[in-house]
N, C-alpha and C. Protein backbone atom coordinates (compact mmCIF):
# COMPACT_ATOMS: atom_id res chain seq x y z
N MET A 1 9.24 103.22 46.60
CA MET A 1 8.94 104.41 47.60
C MET A 1 7.83 104.65 47.74
N ARG A 2 7.62 105.36 48.96
CA ARG A 2 6.42 105.90 50.07
C ARG A 2 5.73 107.34 49.51
N ASP A 3 4.71 107.48 49.52
CA ASP A 3 4.16 108.26 49.43
C ASP A 3 4.30 109.38 51.10
N MET A 4 5.15 110.31 51.12
CA MET A 4 5.61 111.20 52.41
C MET A 4 4.20 111.52 53.17
N SER A 5 4.15 112.48 52.15
CA SER A 5 2.71 113.48 51.92
C SER A 5 1.34 112.16 52.72
N GLN A 6 1.02 110.99 52.13
CA GLN A 6 0.08 110.47 52.17
C GLN A 6 0.33 109.72 53.81
N VAL A 7 1.73 108.79 54.09
CA VAL A 7 2.31 108.69 55.56
C VAL A 7 2.26 110.04 56.50
N LEU A 8 2.22 111.30 55.95
CA LEU A 8 2.42 111.71 57.50
C LEU A 8 1.15 112.52 57.88
N GLU A 9 -0.14 112.49 56.43
CA GLU A 9 -1.94 112.55 56.69
C GLU A 9 -1.53 111.09 58.08
N ARG A 10 -1.54 110.28 57.79
CA ARG A 10 -1.95 109.37 58.41
C ARG A 10 -1.48 109.50 59.76
N TRP A 11 -0.32 109.65 59.84
CA TRP A 11 0.50 110.00 60.89
C TRP A 11 -0.45 111.60 61.75
N GLY A 12 -0.72 112.50 61.33
CA GLY A 12 -1.02 113.90 61.77
C GLY A 12 -2.21 113.61 62.18
N VAL A 13 -3.28 112.46 61.94
CA VAL A 13 -4.45 112.03 62.19
C VAL A 13 -4.23 111.21 63.44
N TRP A 14 -3.40 110.39 63.77
CA TRP A 14 -2.58 109.72 64.59
C TRP A 14 -2.36 110.68 65.82
N ALA A 15 -1.70 111.50 65.66
CA ALA A 15 -0.35 112.40 66.32
C ALA A 15 -1.50 112.94 67.20
N ALA A 16 -2.80 113.96 66.06
CA ALA A 16 -4.12 114.45 67.05
C ALA A 16 -4.74 113.42 68.09
N SER A 17 -4.28 113.07 68.06
CA SER A 17 -5.52 111.99 68.44
C SER A 17 -4.62 111.93 70.35
N GLY A 18 -3.65 112.64 70.03
CA GLY A 18 -3.21 112.66 71.38
C GLY A 18 -1.95 111.28 72.04
N LYS A 19 -2.01 110.66 70.81
CA LYS A 19 -0.92 109.76 71.03
C LYS A 19 0.41 110.00 70.97
N THR A 20 0.87 111.59 70.66
CA THR A 20 2.17 111.42 70.29
C THR A 20 2.70 112.41 71.41
N ASN A 21 4.26 112.58 71.93
CA ASN A 21 4.96 113.58 72.66
C ASN A 21 6.22 113.81 71.65
N VAL A 22 6.71 114.49 70.62
CA VAL A 22 7.40 114.92 70.06
C VAL A 22 8.58 115.68 71.03
N GLY A 23 8.04 116.31 71.84
CA GLY A 23 8.94 117.44 72.82
C GLY A 23 7.58 117.63 73.84
N TYR A 24 6.68 117.68 73.94
CA TYR A 24 5.73 118.30 74.55
C TYR A 24 3.97 117.64 74.39
N PRO A 25 3.68 117.72 75.34
CA PRO A 25 1.95 117.41 74.86
C PRO A 25 1.21 118.09 74.43
N ARG A 26 0.58 117.56 73.16
CA ARG A 26 0.05 118.24 72.32
C ARG A 26 -1.44 118.61 73.30
N ILE A 27 -1.85 117.47 73.80
CA ILE A 27 -3.45 117.74 74.54
C ILE A 27 -3.44 117.65 75.92
N ALA A 28 -3.34 118.47 76.96
CA ALA A 28 -3.34 118.32 78.43
C ALA A 28 -4.07 116.96 79.18
N ALA A 29 -3.31 116.38 80.02
CA ALA A 29 -4.19 115.11 80.41
C ALA A 29 -5.86 115.35 80.54
N GLY A 30 -6.33 114.20 80.53
CA GLY A 30 -7.47 114.12 80.89
C GLY A 30 -8.36 115.35 79.76
N LEU A 31 -8.32 115.64 79.03
CA LEU A 31 -8.81 116.91 78.34
C LEU A 31 -8.99 116.33 76.83
N SER A 32 -8.48 114.95 76.41
CA SER A 32 -8.69 114.61 75.42
C SER A 32 -9.88 113.46 75.02
N ARG A 33 -10.42 113.13 75.94
CA ARG A 33 -12.03 113.24 75.83
C ARG A 33 -13.18 114.40 75.83
N LEU A 34 -12.71 115.42 75.81
CA LEU A 34 -13.81 116.64 75.56
C LEU A 34 -13.78 117.47 74.68
N LEU A 35 -12.38 117.11 74.23
CA LEU A 35 -12.37 117.46 72.48
C LEU A 35 -13.08 116.64 71.44
N PRO A 36 -14.30 117.44 70.34
CA PRO A 36 -14.89 116.55 69.30
C PRO A 36 -13.88 116.01 68.53
N ALA A 37 -14.25 114.71 67.85
CA ALA A 37 -13.27 114.26 67.23
C ALA A 37 -13.34 114.93 65.48
N SER A 38 -12.57 115.74 65.58
CA SER A 38 -12.80 116.27 63.90
C SER A 38 -12.57 115.56 62.66
N ARG A 39 -11.33 114.66 63.08
CA ARG A 39 -11.17 114.04 62.39
C ARG A 39 -11.53 113.11 62.14
N ALA A 40 -13.12 111.90 62.32
CA ALA A 40 -13.33 110.72 62.81
C ALA A 40 -13.22 110.51 61.14
N GLY A 41 -13.20 109.12 60.80
CA GLY A 41 -13.87 109.00 59.28
C GLY A 41 -12.20 108.49 58.97
N LYS A 42 -11.27 109.36 59.18
CA LYS A 42 -9.77 109.59 58.08
C LYS A 42 -9.32 109.05 58.99
N PRO A 43 -8.24 108.18 57.89
CA PRO A 43 -7.64 106.88 57.88
C PRO A 43 -6.03 107.05 58.88
N SER A 44 -6.05 106.66 60.08
CA SER A 44 -4.53 106.92 60.80
C SER A 44 -3.77 105.86 60.57
N CYS A 45 -3.03 106.19 61.31
CA CYS A 45 -1.64 104.68 61.48
C CYS A 45 -1.52 103.67 62.08
N CYS A 46 -1.12 103.11 62.59
CA CYS A 46 -1.01 101.86 63.80
C CYS A 46 -0.26 103.07 64.93
N ASP A 47 -0.36 102.32 66.09
CA ASP A 47 0.71 102.84 66.62
C ASP A 47 2.33 102.43 66.78
N ASP A 48 2.73 101.41 66.25
CA ASP A 48 4.05 101.00 65.99
C ASP A 48 4.85 102.05 64.69
N ASP A 49 3.31 102.59 63.60
CA ASP A 49 4.12 103.15 62.54
C ASP A 49 4.00 104.84 63.23
N GLY A 50 3.44 104.96 64.09
CA GLY A 50 3.30 106.65 64.84
C GLY A 50 4.45 106.66 65.12
N MET A 51 4.91 105.32 66.24
CA MET A 51 6.27 105.62 67.31
C MET A 51 7.35 105.84 66.50
N PHE A 52 7.44 105.05 64.76
CA PHE A 52 9.01 105.30 64.06
C PHE A 52 8.56 106.60 63.39
N ILE A 53 7.30 106.87 62.91
CA ILE A 53 7.90 108.46 63.15
C ILE A 53 7.85 109.81 63.50
N ASN A 54 7.57 109.12 64.87
CA ASN A 54 8.22 110.32 66.07
C ASN A 54 9.64 110.13 66.16
N GLU A 55 9.90 109.06 65.87
CA GLU A 55 11.35 108.91 65.78
C GLU A 55 12.15 109.50 64.74
N ALA A 56 11.52 109.95 63.93
CA ALA A 56 11.99 110.63 62.92
C ALA A 56 11.76 111.49 62.97
N MET A 57 10.91 112.14 63.84
CA MET A 57 10.59 113.75 64.08
C MET A 57 11.24 114.21 64.64
N ILE A 58 11.82 113.28 66.07
CA ILE A 58 12.47 113.98 66.76
C ILE A 58 13.90 114.02 66.42
N ARG A 59 14.41 113.61 65.38
CA ARG A 59 15.77 113.25 65.02
C ARG A 59 15.78 115.15 63.69
N LEU A 60 14.70 115.21 63.20
CA LEU A 60 13.87 116.18 62.31
C LEU A 60 14.36 117.91 63.82
N PHE A 61 13.58 117.30 64.56
CA PHE A 61 13.89 118.55 65.93
C PHE A 61 15.10 119.17 65.57
N LYS A 62 16.23 117.33 66.42
CA LYS A 62 17.50 118.30 66.53
C LYS A 62 17.91 118.31 65.44
N SER A 63 17.77 118.32 63.49
CA SER A 63 18.43 118.53 62.76
C SER A 63 18.65 120.18 63.11
N ASP A 64 16.53 120.50 63.03
CA ASP A 64 16.15 121.78 62.27
C ASP A 64 14.82 121.86 63.19
N GLU A 65 14.39 122.67 63.90
CA GLU A 65 13.26 122.82 64.73
C GLU A 65 12.24 124.00 64.24
N HIS A 66 12.56 124.38 63.28
CA HIS A 66 11.51 125.27 61.79
C HIS A 66 10.82 124.37 61.33
N LEU A 67 11.82 123.02 60.60
CA LEU A 67 10.91 122.34 60.02
C LEU A 67 10.15 121.36 60.40
N CYS A 68 10.39 120.69 61.89
CA CYS A 68 9.89 120.05 62.80
C CYS A 68 8.42 121.01 62.74
N ALA A 69 8.73 122.18 63.39
CA ALA A 69 7.70 122.75 63.80
C ALA A 69 6.68 122.91 62.47
N LEU A 70 7.33 123.42 61.24
CA LEU A 70 6.38 123.20 59.77
C LEU A 70 5.50 121.77 59.50
N VAL A 71 6.15 120.90 59.78
CA VAL A 71 5.54 118.99 59.62
C VAL A 71 4.14 119.43 60.93
N GLU A 72 3.98 119.97 61.98
CA GLU A 72 3.15 119.29 63.46
C GLU A 72 2.23 120.41 62.56
N TRP A 73 2.59 122.23 62.14
CA TRP A 73 1.69 122.97 61.75
C TRP A 73 0.87 122.06 60.38
N TYR A 74 1.41 121.33 59.75
CA TYR A 74 0.91 121.32 58.67
C TYR A 74 0.08 120.28 58.13
N TYR A 75 0.70 119.02 59.61
CA TYR A 75 -0.22 117.67 59.25
C TYR A 75 -1.02 117.59 60.65
N ILE A 76 -0.23 118.39 61.72
CA ILE A 76 -1.34 117.86 62.85
C ILE A 76 -2.41 118.75 63.37
N ASP A 77 -1.80 120.25 63.09
CA ASP A 77 -2.95 121.12 63.09
C ASP A 77 -3.84 121.28 61.75
N ARG A 78 -3.11 120.68 61.01
CA ARG A 78 -4.07 121.08 59.51
C ARG A 78 -3.93 122.21 58.80
N LEU A 79 -3.26 123.36 59.22
CA LEU A 79 -2.96 124.48 58.90
C LEU A 79 -2.54 124.38 57.24
N PRO A 80 -3.43 125.26 56.19
CA PRO A 80 -2.78 125.31 55.27
C PRO A 80 -1.77 126.13 54.17
N LEU A 81 -1.10 125.68 53.51
CA LEU A 81 -0.28 126.47 52.93
C LEU A 81 0.13 127.59 53.61
N ARG A 82 -1.10 127.95 52.98
CA ARG A 82 -0.95 130.35 53.09
C ARG A 82 -1.00 130.41 53.94
N ALA A 83 -1.99 129.87 55.23
CA ALA A 83 -1.46 130.24 56.65
C ALA A 83 -0.32 130.66 57.30
N LEU A 84 0.27 129.18 56.97
CA LEU A 84 1.74 129.35 56.71
C LEU A 84 2.53 130.29 56.59
N GLU A 85 2.74 130.54 55.68
CA GLU A 85 3.12 131.16 54.99
C GLU A 85 2.96 132.63 55.75
N LYS A 86 1.60 132.80 56.10
CA LYS A 86 1.93 134.03 56.88
C LYS A 86 2.16 134.05 58.30
N LYS A 87 2.05 132.98 58.44
CA LYS A 87 2.69 133.11 60.00
C LYS A 87 4.51 132.88 59.98
N CYS A 88 4.83 132.45 58.80
CA CYS A 88 6.19 132.29 58.82
C CYS A 88 7.14 133.56 58.15
N GLY A 89 6.41 134.24 58.05
CA GLY A 89 6.64 135.78 56.82
C GLY A 89 7.04 135.22 55.59
N VAL A 90 7.22 133.98 55.49
CA VAL A 90 7.98 134.13 53.42
C VAL A 90 6.90 133.08 52.92
N SER A 91 7.73 133.34 51.66
CA SER A 91 6.74 133.26 50.40
C SER A 91 5.96 131.83 50.35
N TYR A 92 4.70 131.29 49.79
CA TYR A 92 4.16 130.13 49.46
C TYR A 92 4.92 128.84 49.24
N ASN A 93 6.34 129.21 47.98
CA ASN A 93 6.75 128.41 47.44
C ASN A 93 7.81 128.14 48.31
N THR A 94 8.33 129.03 49.27
CA THR A 94 9.23 128.54 50.19
C THR A 94 8.89 127.48 51.37
N VAL A 95 7.29 128.08 51.68
CA VAL A 95 6.87 126.93 52.56
C VAL A 95 6.43 125.61 52.26
N SER A 96 6.07 125.54 50.66
CA SER A 96 6.06 124.26 50.53
C SER A 96 7.43 123.86 49.89
N LEU A 97 8.52 124.20 49.70
CA LEU A 97 9.35 123.60 49.75
C LEU A 97 10.07 123.10 51.27
N ARG A 98 10.10 123.96 52.61
CA ARG A 98 10.44 123.64 53.35
C ARG A 98 9.88 121.72 54.11
N ILE A 99 8.24 122.05 53.54
CA ILE A 99 7.59 120.79 53.97
C ILE A 99 8.54 119.79 53.24
N GLN A 100 8.54 119.92 51.87
CA GLN A 100 9.08 119.09 50.51
C GLN A 100 10.84 118.35 51.38
N LYS A 101 11.26 119.65 52.15
CA LYS A 101 12.26 118.89 52.57
C LYS A 101 12.56 118.70 53.96
N ALA A 102 11.33 118.54 55.00
CA ALA A 102 10.95 117.53 55.83
C ALA A 102 10.60 116.72 55.22
N GLU A 103 9.52 116.34 54.64
CA GLU A 103 9.07 114.90 54.41
C GLU A 103 10.74 114.38 53.74
N SER A 104 11.34 114.57 52.93
CA SER A 104 12.42 114.11 52.45
C SER A 104 13.89 113.73 53.65
N PHE A 105 13.70 114.66 54.74
CA PHE A 105 14.29 113.70 55.76
C PHE A 105 13.89 112.79 56.36
N ILE A 106 12.56 113.16 56.61
CA ILE A 106 11.99 111.64 57.55
C ILE A 106 11.89 110.93 56.23
N ASP A 107 11.47 110.62 55.46
CA ASP A 107 11.65 109.30 54.72
C ASP A 107 12.81 109.06 54.19
N GLY A 108 14.10 110.11 54.49
CA GLY A 108 15.52 109.26 54.68
C GLY A 108 15.95 108.52 56.12
N CYS A 109 15.22 109.11 56.99
CA CYS A 109 15.90 108.75 58.42
C CYS A 109 14.80 107.19 57.92
N LEU A 110 13.72 107.15 57.83
CA LEU A 110 13.26 105.67 57.95
C LEU A 110 13.47 104.76 56.70
N SER A 111 14.06 105.03 55.87
CA SER A 111 14.93 104.36 55.06
C SER A 111 16.38 103.84 55.42
N ALA A 112 16.50 104.57 56.05
CA ALA A 112 17.92 104.73 56.70
C ALA A 112 18.06 103.31 57.76
N LEU A 113 17.17 103.37 58.34
CA LEU A 113 16.89 102.52 59.56
C LEU A 113 16.04 100.79 59.51
N ASN A 114 15.78 101.21 57.63
CA ASN A 114 15.15 100.14 57.19
C ASN A 114 14.02 99.58 57.28
N ILE A 115 13.25 101.34 58.05
CA ILE A 115 12.26 100.03 58.49
C ILE A 115 10.74 100.32 57.50
N THR A 116 10.12 99.57 57.54
CA THR A 116 8.81 99.32 56.37
C THR A 116 7.32 99.13 57.63
N LEU A 117 7.03 100.45 57.21
CA LEU A 117 5.80 100.15 58.03
C LEU A 117 4.80 99.91 57.72
N GLU A 118 3.74 99.33 58.54
CA GLU A 118 2.73 98.92 58.27
C GLU A 118 1.93 99.80 57.26
N MET A 119 1.32 100.56 57.01
CA MET A 119 0.38 101.50 56.25
C MET A 119 1.23 101.12 55.08
N ASP A 120 2.25 100.85 54.86
CA ASP A 120 3.31 100.84 53.33
C ASP A 120 2.06 99.93 52.36
N ARG A 121 1.46 98.87 53.08
CA ARG A 121 0.39 98.31 52.37
C ARG A 121 -0.31 98.43 51.76
N GLU A 122 -0.86 99.06 53.61
CA GLU A 122 -2.77 99.94 52.90
C GLU A 122 -1.90 101.02 51.58
N CYS A 123 -1.71 101.98 51.63
CA CYS A 123 -1.38 103.02 50.87
C CYS A 123 -0.90 102.87 49.35
N LYS A 124 -0.17 101.32 49.36
CA LYS A 124 -0.25 100.40 47.62
C LYS A 124 -1.89 100.47 47.68
N LYS A 125 -2.37 99.41 48.33
CA LYS A 125 -3.79 98.92 48.09
C LYS A 125 -4.54 100.18 47.09
N GLU A 126 -4.59 101.20 47.72
CA GLU A 126 -5.06 102.42 47.57
C GLU A 126 -4.53 103.51 46.15
N ASN A 127 -3.48 103.21 46.41
CA ASN A 127 -2.89 103.75 44.44
C ASN A 127 -3.12 102.99 43.90
N ILE A 128 -3.31 101.61 43.99
CA ILE A 128 -3.48 100.95 42.54
C ILE A 128 -4.79 101.41 42.21
N VAL A 129 -4.47 101.38 40.37
CA VAL A 129 -5.52 101.89 39.54
C VAL A 129 -6.14 100.37 38.84
N THR A 130 -7.35 99.61 39.37
CA THR A 130 -8.00 98.41 38.32
C THR A 130 -8.48 99.53 37.50
N PRO A 131 -8.11 98.17 36.57
CA PRO A 131 -8.48 98.51 35.25
C PRO A 131 -10.47 98.57 34.69
N VAL A 132 -10.87 99.20 34.39
CA VAL A 132 -12.24 99.70 34.01
C VAL A 132 -12.73 98.18 32.70
N MET A 133 -13.79 97.71 33.26
CA MET A 133 -14.27 96.90 32.29
C MET A 133 -15.41 97.85 31.04
N LYS A 134 -14.67 98.01 29.97
CA LYS A 134 -15.99 98.68 29.26
C LYS A 134 -16.48 97.90 28.83
N ARG A 135 -18.37 97.76 28.81
CA ARG A 135 -19.04 97.55 28.16
C ARG A 135 -19.32 97.86 26.35
N VAL A 136 -19.21 96.85 25.71
CA VAL A 136 -19.62 97.70 24.30
C VAL A 136 -21.39 97.50 23.69
N VAL A 137 -21.90 98.96 23.88
CA VAL A 137 -23.35 99.16 24.02
C VAL A 137 -23.43 98.32 22.36
N SER A 138 -24.60 97.54 22.58
CA SER A 138 -24.45 97.20 20.77
C SER A 138 -26.16 97.76 20.13
C-alpha cells in the first residue's frame, strides 16, 4: 500500500513547476522562468507519474470539485490545514478528513487501473529502516 500523502507531496512539487494542467494553467506561459524556485531540493515525481496522478485528479474533479480544490491548495499551493480551515469555513478535523477522502479516491483510481508508479520504488527505499549496529564499549 502506498503512502498517498508522500506521493501527492511529490506530485505537488512536480505540479507547482508548471507541468500540470488539471483544468487550467497554474502559471501563465513564459512566466514560470521568472518565479523563484521555492521548492528547490524537494523530491519530485517523474512526468509519467505526474500524468497518471493528473488523470486521477481529473476524475476527482468530475466527482467532487471541492475535494479536488482542497488537494490542489494543500499539495500544490502548500496551504496549511489551519489556512484551509478558515478558507473553507469548516473545522480543522473536517478539512483533514476531506483531504484523506480525496487521497483515498486518488489511490483508488490508481489501484483500479493497476498503475504502478515509478516513485513507489523510491518511496519504499526511503521508508525502509536499516538496523543500527550498536557497538559495545568495553
